[in-house]
Amino acid sequence: MDDRKRGNPAGHTNELVAANLRKVRQNTGVDLRELSARIKATGRVISPSALSKIENGDRRVDVDDLTVFAYALETTPAALLTP
């Protein structure tokens, strides 16, 4: 099996978004399944397992992800980007 990861490694901003995503999600009492359902309601599909990978730094976040996370958690993209 090929152990190489595709693309560039996740950087500091990705790690920050992942940590803030988890923090906001947990502080609002939203589990991964609920967040996935909220995201799906916007027309974008991100599974609970993909969300877990994002929070654990195993999957990168793009600007579309950031926007939908903020919307689904009733916050702003800036809040997810701020240390």
PDB file of N, CA and C in Angstrom:
ATOM      1  N   MET A   1       0.834  -1.178   0.000  1.00  0.00           N
ATOM      2  CA  MET A   1       0.000   0.000   0.000  1.00  0.00           C
ATOM      3  C   MET A   1       0.881   1.244   0.000  1.00  0.00           C
ATOM      4  N   ASP A   2       0.466   2.253  -0.705  1.00  0.00           N
ATOM      5  CA  ASP A   2       1.223   3.490  -0.825  1.00  0.00           C
ATOM      6  C   ASP A   2       0.988   4.364   0.403  1.00  0.00           C
ATOM      7  N   ASP A   3       2.059   4.719   1.135  1.00  0.00           N
ATOM      8  CA  ASP A   3       1.955   5.513   2.357  1.00  0.00           C
ATOM      9  C   ASP A   3       2.035   7.017   2.096  1.00  0.00           C
ATOM     10  N   ARG A   4       2.235   7.416   0.858  1.00  0.00           N
ATOM     11  CA  ARG A   4       2.355   8.845   0.558  1.00  0.00           C
ATOM     12  C   ARG A   4       0.998   9.531   0.649  1.00  0.00           C
ATOM     13  N   LYS A   5       1.021  10.758   1.200  1.00  0.00           N
ATOM     14  CA  LYS A   5      -0.184  11.574   1.228  1.00  0.00           C
ATOM     15  C   LYS A   5      -0.165  12.482   0.016  1.00  0.00           C
ATOM     16  N   ARG A   6      -1.340  12.783  -0.495  1.00  0.00           N
ATOM     17  CA  ARG A   6      -1.444  13.667  -1.644  1.00  0.00           C
ATOM     18  C   ARG A   6      -1.370  15.118  -1.212  1.00  0.00           C
ATOM     19  N   GLY A   7      -0.865  15.960  -2.091  1.00  0.00           N
ATOM     20  CA  GLY A   7      -0.874  17.391  -1.861  1.00  0.00           C
ATOM     21  C   GLY A   7       0.124  17.860  -0.828  1.00  0.00           C
ATOM     22  N   ASN A   8      -0.010  19.110  -0.483  1.00  0.00           N
ATOM     23  CA  ASN A   8       0.864  19.724   0.507  1.00  0.00           C
ATOM     24  C   ASN A   8       0.409  19.354   1.909  1.00  0.00           C
ATOM     25  N   PRO A   9       1.346  19.304   2.848  1.00  0.00           N
ATOM     26  CA  PRO A   9       0.947  19.015   4.231  1.00  0.00           C
ATOM     27  C   PRO A   9       0.137  20.178   4.800  1.00  0.00           C
ATOM     28  N   ALA A  10      -0.728  19.859   5.749  1.00  0.00           N
ATOM     29  CA  ALA A  10      -1.525  20.895   6.400  1.00  0.00           C
ATOM     30  C   ALA A  10      -0.606  21.812   7.193  1.00  0.00           C
ATOM     31  N   GLY A  11      -0.893  23.087   7.165  1.00  0.00           N
ATOM     32  CA  GLY A  11      -0.071  24.063   7.870  1.00  0.00           C
ATOM     33  C   GLY A  11      -0.719  24.534   9.161  1.00  0.00           C
ATOM     34  N   HIS A  12      -0.127  25.587   9.735  1.00  0.00           N
ATOM     35  CA  HIS A  12      -0.582  26.124  11.013  1.00  0.00           C
ATOM     36  C   HIS A  12      -2.049  26.568  10.962  1.00  0.00           C
ATOM     37  N   THR A  13      -2.455  27.229   9.888  1.00  0.00           N
ATOM     38  CA  THR A  13      -3.832  27.712   9.791  1.00  0.00           C
ATOM     39  C   THR A  13      -4.808  26.552   9.798  1.00  0.00           C
ATOM     40  N   ASN A  14      -4.481  25.484   9.107  1.00  0.00           N
ATOM     41  CA  ASN A  14      -5.342  24.304   9.093  1.00  0.00           C
ATOM     42  C   ASN A  14      -5.466  23.720  10.502  1.00  0.00           C
ATOM     43  N   GLU A  15      -4.350  23.667  11.219  1.00  0.00           N
ATOM     44  CA  GLU A  15      -4.369  23.151  12.592  1.00  0.00           C
ATOM     45  C   GLU A  15      -5.230  24.031  13.491  1.00  0.00           C
ATOM     46  N   LEU A  16      -5.140  25.329  13.300  1.00  0.00           N
ATOM     47  CA  LEU A  16      -5.928  26.275  14.087  1.00  0.00           C
ATOM     48  C   LEU A  16      -7.421  26.102  13.814  1.00  0.00           C
ATOM     49  N   VAL A  17      -7.792  26.006  12.547  1.00  0.00           N
ATOM     50  CA  VAL A  17      -9.197  25.801  12.191  1.00  0.00           C
ATOM     51  C   VAL A  17      -9.700  24.484  12.770  1.00  0.00           C
ATOM     52  N   ALA A  18      -8.905  23.438  12.675  1.00  0.00           N
ATOM     53  CA  ALA A  18      -9.307  22.131  13.210  1.00  0.00           C
ATOM     54  C   ALA A  18      -9.563  22.209  14.712  1.00  0.00           C
ATOM     55  N   ALA A  19      -8.658  22.856  15.438  1.00  0.00           N
ATOM     56  CA  ALA A  19      -8.822  22.984  16.891  1.00  0.00           C
ATOM     57  C   ALA A  19     -10.036  23.838  17.236  1.00  0.00           C
ATOM     58  N   ASN A  20     -10.219  24.943  16.523  1.00  0.00           N
ATOM     59  CA  ASN A  20     -11.365  25.813  16.784  1.00  0.00           C
ATOM     60  C   ASN A  20     -12.679  25.147  16.404  1.00  0.00           C
ATOM     61  N   LEU A  21     -12.672  24.383  15.327  1.00  0.00           N
ATOM     62  CA  LEU A  21     -13.869  23.648  14.929  1.00  0.00           C
ATOM     63  C   LEU A  21     -14.295  22.711  16.053  1.00  0.00           C
ATOM     64  N   ARG A  22     -13.364  21.939  16.558  1.00  0.00           N
ATOM     65  CA  ARG A  22     -13.667  21.004  17.643  1.00  0.00           C
ATOM     66  C   ARG A  22     -14.169  21.758  18.883  1.00  0.00           C
ATOM     67  N   LYS A  23     -13.478  22.845  19.230  1.00  0.00           N
ATOM     68  CA  LYS A  23     -13.840  23.609  20.429  1.00  0.00           C
ATOM     69  C   LYS A  23     -15.250  24.187  20.308  1.00  0.00           C
ATOM     70  N   VAL A  24     -15.548  24.841  19.198  1.00  0.00           N
ATOM     71  CA  VAL A  24     -16.874  25.437  19.006  1.00  0.00           C
ATOM     72  C   VAL A  24     -17.936  24.347  18.966  1.00  0.00           C
ATOM     73  N   ARG A  25     -17.652  23.278  18.265  1.00  0.00           N
ATOM     74  CA  ARG A  25     -18.617  22.176  18.164  1.00  0.00           C
ATOM     75  C   ARG A  25     -18.928  21.610  19.545  1.00  0.00           C
ATOM     76  N   GLN A  26     -17.907  21.328  20.327  1.00  0.00           N
ATOM     77  CA  GLN A  26     -18.114  20.757  21.658  1.00  0.00           C
ATOM     78  C   GLN A  26     -18.777  21.756  22.602  1.00  0.00           C
ATOM     79  N   ASN A  27     -18.385  23.022  22.526  1.00  0.00           N
ATOM     80  CA  ASN A  27     -18.982  24.044  23.397  1.00  0.00           C
ATOM     81  C   ASN A  27     -20.460  24.270  23.118  1.00  0.00           C
ATOM     82  N   THR A  28     -20.880  23.971  21.896  1.00  0.00           N
ATOM     83  CA  THR A  28     -22.288  24.137  21.543  1.00  0.00           C
ATOM     84  C   THR A  28     -23.067  22.831  21.636  1.00  0.00           C
ATOM     85  N   GLY A  29     -22.392  21.760  22.049  1.00  0.00           N
ATOM     86  CA  GLY A  29     -23.062  20.478  22.239  1.00  0.00           C
ATOM     87  C   GLY A  29     -23.456  19.773  20.953  1.00  0.00           C
ATOM     88  N   VAL A  30     -22.730  20.046  19.892  1.00  0.00           N
ATOM     89  CA  VAL A  30     -23.019  19.444  18.590  1.00  0.00           C
ATOM     90  C   VAL A  30     -22.045  18.296  18.358  1.00  0.00           C
ATOM     91  N   ASP A  31     -22.577  17.092  18.122  1.00  0.00           N
ATOM     92  CA  ASP A  31     -21.680  15.975  17.827  1.00  0.00           C
ATOM     93  C   ASP A  31     -21.392  15.930  16.324  1.00  0.00           C
ATOM     94  N   LEU A  32     -20.501  15.043  15.937  1.00  0.00           N
ATOM     95  CA  LEU A  32     -20.082  14.979  14.532  1.00  0.00           C
ATOM     96  C   LEU A  32     -21.233  14.632  13.596  1.00  0.00           C
ATOM     97  N   ARG A  33     -22.126  13.757  14.031  1.00  0.00           N
ATOM     98  CA  ARG A  33     -23.276  13.399  13.179  1.00  0.00           C
ATOM     99  C   ARG A  33     -24.196  14.595  12.965  1.00  0.00           C
ATOM    100  N   GLU A  34     -24.447  15.341  14.038  1.00  0.00           N
ATOM    101  CA  GLU A  34     -25.302  16.526  13.921  1.00  0.00           C
ATOM    102  C   GLU A  34     -24.658  17.574  13.024  1.00  0.00           C
ATOM    103  N   LEU A  35     -23.366  17.799  13.190  1.00  0.00           N
ATOM    104  CA  LEU A  35     -22.682  18.769  12.334  1.00  0.00           C
ATOM    105  C   LEU A  35     -22.741  18.324  10.878  1.00  0.00           C
ATOM    106  N   SER A  36     -22.533  17.055  10.635  1.00  0.00           N
ATOM    107  CA  SER A  36     -22.613  16.524   9.276  1.00  0.00           C
ATOM    108  C   SER A  36     -24.006  16.757   8.688  1.00  0.00           C
ATOM    109  N   ALA A  37     -25.046  16.543   9.492  1.00  0.00           N
ATOM    110  CA  ALA A  37     -26.421  16.754   9.029  1.00  0.00           C
ATOM    111  C   ALA A  37     -26.680  18.234   8.728  1.00  0.00           C
ATOM    112  N   ARG A  38     -26.178  19.106   9.576  1.00  0.00           N
ATOM    113  CA  ARG A  38     -26.342  20.548   9.337  1.00  0.00           C
ATOM    114  C   ARG A  38     -25.641  20.965   8.052  1.00  0.00           C
ATOM    115  N   ILE A  39     -24.467  20.415   7.828  1.00  0.00           N
ATOM    116  CA  ILE A  39     -23.720  20.726   6.610  1.00  0.00           C
ATOM    117  C   ILE A  39     -24.465  20.202   5.386  1.00  0.00           C
ATOM    118  N   LYS A  40     -24.994  18.989   5.490  1.00  0.00           N
ATOM    119  CA  LYS A  40     -25.736  18.394   4.375  1.00  0.00           C
ATOM    120  C   LYS A  40     -26.943  19.252   4.008  1.00  0.00           C
ATOM    121  N   ALA A  41     -27.573  19.873   5.008  1.00  0.00           N
ATOM    122  CA  ALA A  41     -28.732  20.735   4.757  1.00  0.00           C
ATOM    123  C   ALA A  41     -28.369  21.953   3.907  1.00  0.00           C
ATOM    124  N   THR A  42     -27.090  22.301   3.851  1.00  0.00           N
ATOM    125  CA  THR A  42     -26.642  23.428   3.023  1.00  0.00           C
ATOM    126  C   THR A  42     -26.351  22.995   1.586  1.00  0.00           C
ATOM    127  N   GLY A  43     -26.367  21.674   1.349  1.00  0.00           N
ATOM    128  CA  GLY A  43     -26.080  21.160   0.016  1.00  0.00           C
ATOM    129  C   GLY A  43     -24.678  20.606  -0.141  1.00  0.00           C
ATOM    130  N   ARG A  44     -23.877  20.707   0.900  1.00  0.00           N
ATOM    131  CA  ARG A  44     -22.511  20.160   0.875  1.00  0.00           C
ATOM    132  C   ARG A  44     -22.514  18.899   1.723  1.00  0.00           C
ATOM    133  N   VAL A  45     -21.790  17.888   1.326  1.00  0.00           N
ATOM    134  CA  VAL A  45     -21.754  16.631   2.070  1.00  0.00           C
ATOM    135  C   VAL A  45     -20.356  16.418   2.642  1.00  0.00           C
ATOM    136  N   ILE A  46     -20.292  16.356   3.977  1.00  0.00           N
ATOM    137  CA  ILE A  46     -19.056  16.010   4.675  1.00  0.00           C
ATOM    138  C   ILE A  46     -19.462  15.024   5.760  1.00  0.00           C
ATOM    139  N   SER A  47     -18.996  13.803   5.642  1.00  0.00           N
ATOM    140  CA  SER A  47     -19.395  12.740   6.568  1.00  0.00           C
ATOM    141  C   SER A  47     -18.823  12.969   7.966  1.00  0.00           C
ATOM    142  N   PRO A  48     -19.427  12.338   8.975  1.00  0.00           N
ATOM    143  CA  PRO A  48     -18.857  12.428  10.324  1.00  0.00           C
ATOM    144  C   PRO A  48     -17.401  11.961  10.375  1.00  0.00           C
ATOM    145  N   SER A  49     -17.064  10.920   9.615  1.00  0.00           N
ATOM    146  CA  SER A  49     -15.677  10.440   9.632  1.00  0.00           C
ATOM    147  C   SER A  49     -14.736  11.452   8.985  1.00  0.00           C
ATOM    148  N   ALA A  50     -15.186  12.139   7.948  1.00  0.00           N
ATOM    149  CA  ALA A  50     -14.366  13.188   7.329  1.00  0.00           C
ATOM    150  C   ALA A  50     -14.190  14.361   8.291  1.00  0.00           C
ATOM    151  N   LEU A  51     -15.237  14.701   9.036  1.00  0.00           N
ATOM    152  CA  LEU A  51     -15.129  15.762  10.044  1.00  0.00           C
ATOM    153  C   LEU A  51     -14.126  15.380  11.121  1.00  0.00           C
ATOM    154  N   SER A  52     -14.148  14.119  11.525  1.00  0.00           N
ATOM    155  CA  SER A  52     -13.187  13.635  12.518  1.00  0.00           C
ATOM    156  C   SER A  52     -11.763  13.764  11.987  1.00  0.00           C
ATOM    157  N   LYS A  53     -11.568  13.412  10.726  1.00  0.00           N
ATOM    158  CA  LYS A  53     -10.239  13.539  10.114  1.00  0.00           C
ATOM    159  C   LYS A  53      -9.785  14.995  10.086  1.00  0.00           C
ATOM    160  N   ILE A  54     -10.714  15.899   9.814  1.00  0.00           N
ATOM    161  CA  ILE A  54     -10.375  17.324   9.812  1.00  0.00           C
ATOM    162  C   ILE A  54      -9.950  17.754  11.208  1.00  0.00           C
ATOM    163  N   GLU A  55     -10.750  17.407  12.209  1.00  0.00           N
ATOM    164  CA  GLU A  55     -10.435  17.796  13.586  1.00  0.00           C
ATOM    165  C   GLU A  55      -9.121  17.193  14.076  1.00  0.00           C
ATOM    166  N   ASN A  56      -8.760  16.039  13.554  1.00  0.00           N
ATOM    167  CA  ASN A  56      -7.514  15.378  13.953  1.00  0.00           C
ATOM    168  C   ASN A  56      -6.323  15.774  13.082  1.00  0.00           C
ATOM    169  N   GLY A  57      -6.544  16.664  12.126  1.00  0.00           N
ATOM    170  CA  GLY A  57      -5.454  17.131  11.272  1.00  0.00           C
ATOM    171  C   GLY A  57      -5.080  16.185  10.153  1.00  0.00           C
ATOM    172  N   ASP A  58      -5.941  15.211   9.872  1.00  0.00           N
ATOM    173  CA  ASP A  58      -5.657  14.238   8.818  1.00  0.00           C
ATOM    174  C   ASP A  58      -6.289  14.609   7.483  1.00  0.00           C
ATOM    175  N   ARG A  59      -7.039  15.696   7.461  1.00  0.00           N
ATOM    176  CA  ARG A  59      -7.647  16.173   6.218  1.00  0.00           C
ATOM    177  C   ARG A  59      -7.600  17.694   6.229  1.00  0.00           C
ATOM    178  N   ARG A  60      -7.252  18.255   5.096  1.00  0.00           N
ATOM    179  CA  ARG A  60      -7.153  19.711   4.976  1.00  0.00           C
ATOM    180  C   ARG A  60      -8.531  20.349   4.869  1.00  0.00           C
ATOM    181  N   VAL A  61      -8.586  21.610   5.260  1.00  0.00           N
ATOM    182  CA  VAL A  61      -9.809  22.405   5.171  1.00  0.00           C
ATOM    183  C   VAL A  61      -9.640  23.409   4.037  1.00  0.00           C
ATOM    184  N   ASP A  62     -10.624  23.478   3.147  1.00  0.00           N
ATOM    185  CA  ASP A  62     -10.571  24.518   2.118  1.00  0.00           C
ATOM    186  C   ASP A  62     -11.542  25.637   2.497  1.00  0.00           C
ATOM    187  N   VAL A  63     -11.563  26.688   1.726  1.00  0.00           N
ATOM    188  CA  VAL A  63     -12.383  27.851   2.067  1.00  0.00           C
ATOM    189  C   VAL A  63     -13.872  27.510   2.047  1.00  0.00           C
ATOM    190  N   ASP A  64     -14.292  26.605   1.185  1.00  0.00           N
ATOM    191  CA  ASP A  64     -15.692  26.188   1.167  1.00  0.00           C
ATOM    192  C   ASP A  64     -16.052  25.455   2.455  1.00  0.00           C
ATOM    193  N   ASP A  65     -15.143  24.593   2.923  1.00  0.00           N
ATOM    194  CA  ASP A  65     -15.353  23.907   4.203  1.00  0.00           C
ATOM    195  C   ASP A  65     -15.482  24.930   5.327  1.00  0.00           C
ATOM    196  N   LEU A  66     -14.551  25.860   5.380  1.00  0.00           N
ATOM    197  CA  LEU A  66     -14.530  26.866   6.438  1.00  0.00           C
ATOM    198  C   LEU A  66     -15.857  27.622   6.490  1.00  0.00           C
ATOM    199  N   THR A  67     -16.348  28.026   5.337  1.00  0.00           N
ATOM    200  CA  THR A  67     -17.595  28.781   5.267  1.00  0.00           C
ATOM    201  C   THR A  67     -18.777  27.962   5.756  1.00  0.00           C
ATOM    202  N   VAL A  68     -18.865  26.721   5.334  1.00  0.00           N
ATOM    203  CA  VAL A  68     -20.000  25.887   5.735  1.00  0.00           C
ATOM    204  C   VAL A  68     -19.903  25.501   7.211  1.00  0.00           C
ATOM    205  N   PHE A  69     -18.701  25.305   7.737  1.00  0.00           N
ATOM    206  CA  PHE A  69     -18.552  25.027   9.171  1.00  0.00           C
ATOM    207  C   PHE A  69     -19.081  26.202   9.985  1.00  0.00           C
ATOM    208  N   ALA A  70     -18.683  27.398   9.599  1.00  0.00           N
ATOM    209  CA  ALA A  70     -19.126  28.592  10.320  1.00  0.00           C
ATOM    210  C   ALA A  70     -20.646  28.718  10.275  1.00  0.00           C
ATOM    211  N   TYR A  71     -21.223  28.528   9.105  1.00  0.00           N
ATOM    212  CA  TYR A  71     -22.680  28.624   8.964  1.00  0.00           C
ATOM    213  C   TYR A  71     -23.380  27.573   9.822  1.00  0.00           C
ATOM    214  N   ALA A  72     -22.913  26.338   9.753  1.00  0.00           N
ATOM    215  CA  ALA A  72     -23.551  25.233  10.479  1.00  0.00           C
ATOM    216  C   ALA A  72     -23.429  25.381  11.990  1.00  0.00           C
ATOM    217  N   LEU A  73     -22.389  26.062  12.446  1.00  0.00           N
ATOM    218  CA  LEU A  73     -22.177  26.250  13.885  1.00  0.00           C
ATOM    219  C   LEU A  73     -22.576  27.655  14.354  1.00  0.00           C
ATOM    220  N   GLU A  74     -23.219  28.404  13.455  1.00  0.00           N
ATOM    221  CA  GLU A  74     -23.717  29.745  13.773  1.00  0.00           C
ATOM    222  C   GLU A  74     -22.614  30.649  14.325  1.00  0.00           C
ATOM    223  N   THR A  75     -21.497  30.636  13.627  1.00  0.00           N
ATOM    224  CA  THR A  75     -20.374  31.503  13.973  1.00  0.00           C
ATOM    225  C   THR A  75     -19.855  32.114  12.681  1.00  0.00           C
ATOM    226  N   THR A  76     -18.680  32.678  12.719  1.00  0.00           N
ATOM    227  CA  THR A  76     -18.103  33.294  11.523  1.00  0.00           C
ATOM    228  C   THR A  76     -16.831  32.557  11.120  1.00  0.00           C
ATOM    229  N   PRO A  77     -16.466  32.628   9.849  1.00  0.00           N
ATOM    230  CA  PRO A  77     -15.188  32.052   9.450  1.00  0.00           C
ATOM    231  C   PRO A  77     -14.028  32.666  10.238  1.00  0.00           C
ATOM    232  N   ALA A  78     -14.109  33.963  10.523  1.00  0.00           N
ATOM    233  CA  ALA A  78     -13.042  34.621  11.286  1.00  0.00           C
ATOM    234  C   ALA A  78     -12.878  33.995  12.666  1.00  0.00           C
ATOM    235  N   ALA A  79     -13.978  33.613  13.293  1.00  0.00           N
ATOM    236  CA  ALA A  79     -13.894  32.984  14.618  1.00  0.00           C
ATOM    237  C   ALA A  79     -13.157  31.651  14.547  1.00  0.00           C
ATOM    238  N   LEU A  80     -13.299  30.943  13.437  1.00  0.00           N
ATOM    239  CA  LEU A  80     -12.613  29.659  13.281  1.00  0.00           C
ATOM    240  C   LEU A  80     -11.144  29.840  12.899  1.00  0.00           C
ATOM    241  N   LEU A  81     -10.793  31.040  12.453  1.00  0.00           N
ATOM    242  CA  LEU A  81      -9.412  31.335  12.046  1.00  0.00           C
ATOM    243  C   LEU A  81      -8.601  32.044  13.123  1.00  0.00           C
ATOM    244  N   THR A  82      -9.255  32.461  14.196  1.00  0.00           N
ATOM    245  CA  THR A  82      -8.606  33.272  15.223  1.00  0.00           C
ATOM    246  C   THR A  82      -8.056  32.414  16.354  1.00  0.00           C
ATOM    247  N   PRO A  83      -6.792  32.637  16.719  1.00  0.00           N
ATOM    248  CA  PRO A  83      -6.221  31.863  17.842  1.00  0.00           C
ATOM    249  C   PRO A  83      -6.926  32.164  19.161  1.00  0.00           C
TER     250      PRO A  83
END
